[in-house]
Structure formats: C-alpha cells, structure tokens
Amino acid sequence: MKNAISDGKTINFTATAAVASGAPVLLGKVVAVSLGAVATDEMGVGATEGVFELPKVEADDIGQGAQVYLKSDGTITTTASGNTLAGKAWAAAGNPSSTVRVKINV
C-alpha cells in the first residue's frame, strides 16, 4: 500500500520540557509513553499502544476497567474534569497505591 505512513504504535514528538523514560506525554488528545529520556526541545519517541504502569493519584481507588485520565502533572486519576482521557485501568489500584496499569488510548 503506497499511502501507509506508520503502524501507529509510536509517535515522534518534540519535548516541551524534560521527559523521563517511561513517563506519559500528552500530545493534543493522544497519550504517549516516552521510550527514552528526552531533553527539552529534543525529539523523542513515544508508544501510543499498550499497557503501562503509570503514576497515579495515591488517594484514588481505581477499579479494573475504569476509565482513567491524565492530569497535567503526569499522574493518572479517575477525575474527568480538567483532565485528558488516558485509557482504561488494566488492573485495580486501590487507595493507597502510587501506580496503576493503564491500557492507553482506548
């Protein structure tokens, strides 16, 4: 197929701030997980599919399959207001816990 550009599993981005390897990055309404550390104003590559263990709001009690959102500080929450849809919780993560497994962009 001559018009295929990419399989859509990764996306290139320019970091607007330093990004740690494995950190979520919001690109418009697309959540990517950085495949490596990226310095400010440098190009990086992020995964756009898969299940990742991401930092969460510790007090949130997230059930398996719950819709979850990315806050501007890079943490996952169940609060929709003011946040961007990140995907679905792949496993439950109760209060207190600092991480949750998320299938991104679903």
Protein backbone atom coordinates (compact mmCIF):
# COMPACT_ATOMS: atom_id res chain seq x y z
CA MET A 1 0.00 0.00 0.00
CA LYS A 2 1.58 3.24 -1.14
CA ASN A 3 -0.17 5.58 1.29
CA ALA A 4 0.80 3.79 4.55
CA ILE A 5 2.78 6.10 6.81
CA SER A 6 3.14 4.20 10.09
CA ASP A 7 1.61 1.33 12.06
CA GLY A 8 0.50 3.93 14.62
CA LYS A 9 2.20 2.21 17.56
CA THR A 10 4.69 5.04 18.10
CA ILE A 11 4.75 8.79 17.58
CA ASN A 12 7.62 11.26 17.33
CA PHE A 13 7.39 14.39 19.48
CA THR A 14 9.41 17.43 20.47
CA ALA A 15 9.69 17.67 24.25
CA THR A 16 8.46 21.00 25.66
CA ALA A 17 10.08 20.04 29.00
CA ALA A 18 12.45 17.25 30.05
CA VAL A 19 10.73 13.84 29.84
CA ALA A 20 11.85 10.75 31.77
CA SER A 21 11.90 7.35 30.11
CA GLY A 22 8.51 5.71 30.73
CA ALA A 23 6.75 8.99 31.54
CA PRO A 24 3.38 9.80 29.96
CA VAL A 25 3.36 12.64 27.44
CA LEU A 26 0.21 14.39 26.26
CA LEU A 27 0.24 15.27 22.55
CA GLY A 28 -3.06 17.04 21.95
CA LYS A 29 -5.56 14.33 22.92
CA VAL A 30 -3.10 11.45 22.35
CA VAL A 31 -1.29 9.91 25.33
CA ALA A 32 2.18 8.55 24.58
CA VAL A 33 4.66 6.88 26.90
CA SER A 34 8.20 8.05 26.25
CA LEU A 35 10.51 5.25 25.12
CA GLY A 36 13.57 7.08 26.45
CA ALA A 37 14.68 10.16 28.34
CA VAL A 38 14.23 13.31 26.24
CA ALA A 39 15.74 16.74 26.93
CA THR A 40 13.75 19.94 26.43
CA ASP A 41 13.39 20.87 22.75
CA GLU A 42 14.77 17.48 21.64
CA MET A 43 12.95 14.84 19.57
CA GLY A 44 11.60 11.78 21.33
CA VAL A 45 9.55 8.70 20.50
CA GLY A 46 6.52 7.62 22.46
CA ALA A 47 4.45 4.43 22.44
CA THR A 48 0.76 5.04 21.67
CA GLU A 49 -0.48 1.49 22.28
CA GLY A 50 -0.06 -0.96 25.11
CA VAL A 51 -0.39 -1.35 28.85
CA PHE A 52 1.92 0.68 31.07
CA GLU A 53 2.39 1.06 34.80
CA LEU A 54 1.94 4.79 35.39
CA PRO A 55 1.97 7.03 38.47
CA LYS A 56 -1.47 7.69 39.93
CA VAL A 57 -3.12 9.97 42.44
CA GLU A 58 -2.42 7.90 45.55
CA ALA A 59 -5.82 8.50 47.16
CA ASP A 60 -7.81 7.39 44.09
CA ASP A 61 -9.39 3.94 44.30
CA ILE A 62 -9.34 2.73 40.69
CA GLY A 63 -11.24 -0.39 39.68
CA GLN A 64 -10.20 -2.70 36.87
CA GLY A 65 -11.65 -1.44 33.58
CA ALA A 66 -12.34 2.06 34.90
CA GLN A 67 -11.89 4.99 32.55
CA VAL A 68 -8.86 6.99 33.71
CA TYR A 69 -7.50 10.43 32.92
CA LEU A 70 -4.07 12.09 32.70
CA LYS A 71 -3.53 15.15 34.87
CA SER A 72 -1.16 17.95 33.85
CA ASP A 73 1.35 16.71 36.47
CA GLY A 74 1.63 13.34 34.70
CA THR A 75 -0.42 11.32 37.19
CA ILE A 76 -3.45 9.16 36.45
CA THR A 77 -6.79 9.90 38.11
CA THR A 78 -10.45 8.94 37.86
CA THR A 79 -11.43 12.62 37.76
CA ALA A 80 -12.52 13.64 34.27
CA SER A 81 -12.99 17.37 34.87
CA GLY A 82 -9.96 19.35 33.70
CA ASN A 83 -8.04 16.22 32.66
CA THR A 84 -7.50 14.27 29.42
CA LEU A 85 -8.76 10.74 28.80
CA ALA A 86 -5.77 8.37 29.09
CA GLY A 87 -7.43 4.98 28.65
CA LYS A 88 -8.70 2.13 30.84
CA ALA A 89 -7.31 0.66 34.07
CA TRP A 90 -5.92 -2.76 33.18
CA ALA A 91 -5.81 -3.78 36.85
CA ALA A 92 -7.33 -2.40 40.02
CA ALA A 93 -5.22 0.03 42.06
CA GLY A 94 -6.60 0.91 45.46
CA ASN A 95 -6.01 3.66 47.97
CA PRO A 96 -3.18 3.96 48.87
CA SER A 97 -1.10 2.95 45.89
CA SER A 98 1.21 5.05 43.76
CA THR A 99 0.81 3.33 40.37
CA VAL A 100 -1.85 1.83 38.13
CA ARG A 101 -1.63 -0.28 34.98
CA VAL A 102 -3.28 1.56 32.09
CA LYS A 103 -4.10 0.48 28.55
CA ILE A 104 -3.57 3.83 26.87
CA ASN A 105 -5.73 5.48 24.21
CA VAL A 106 -8.74 3.17 24.47
